[in-house]
Amino acid sequence: IKRIDYSYLKSSPTHVLLDDTYVSSATATITYSSSLITDTYEEYILTGSGIQMSNSAGGNININYSQDNGSNYENNSGDYVKALLINQAGASNNTCITRNGNDTAVTITGPAYDFGGGISYGGANFVARFHNLRNLDTGSGMRRHCTFVSSFQDQGSSDGVQVFITGSVIFKGFNGEVNNIKISCSNSNTIAEGEFRLYGVL
C-alpha cells in the first residue's frame, strides 16, 4: 500500500471571511470599502441572514457600487440590467414570473413582491456572488456581474407567503473598477436585524 502525505490531500481554503457584521438596531447602510474590495480576490461572496426591516413600510434590500470608495454610488436607471426568475410560494395559487430590464441597483428583494413590513414579518436571506469587480477588465462594465439567490416573506401578506428569486445583474452604466459596495433599504426604511458576511474568493 502506497502512503500519500496528508499535505497533498488536505484542501486549502478558497473562501476567506473578510467581514462579519451583525445588525441589532436600526441601521441605514452597511458598506464595504476599498480596504476590503481589493485586487487580492477575483470574486466576492456576500451573504445575508435573518434580515428584518425596522418599520411597517415596505422597503427592499438594494446593493449599489462605487468606483471612488463611496464618494459616489452608481444608482441611475441603466447602470444595472437585471434578468430574474421569481416564484411566490405558499399561496393558494403559486406564481412564477420574470423581471428584466434597467434598474438603479442590484435589488435583492422585491422586483415583483415587496419585502419589509417591520420585525413581525419573516426575515430575508440571500447569497450574492460578484464576478470581475476589479482587475480582469476595465474596458466594459458589462463584464461585471452579480448572480444571486434570495428568499423573503411578501410584505403584502402576513400569512407567511414566501418569495424566492434567482437571477443575474450586469453592471452596464460604468467601466471603472468597483472598490466599494453599499447595502441599503428603499423607501427610507432601515435594517432592524440581520447578519452580513463578506468573503473573498481565491
Foldseek 3Di string as FASTA:
>chain_A
DDDDDVVVVDDDDFKAWDDKDWFAAFDFKDKDFLVRQDPPFQKKKKKKPFWAWAAQDFKFKFKWFDQPGPPDTQFDWQQKWKWKWKWWPDDPDIDIDIDTGTGRTHTQDDPPFTAHGHPLFTGKIKMKMWGRLADPFLPFQQNIKIWMKMKGAGSVDNPGTMMIMTIMMTRHDHRHHTGMMMIGIPPPIGINTMMMIMIGGD
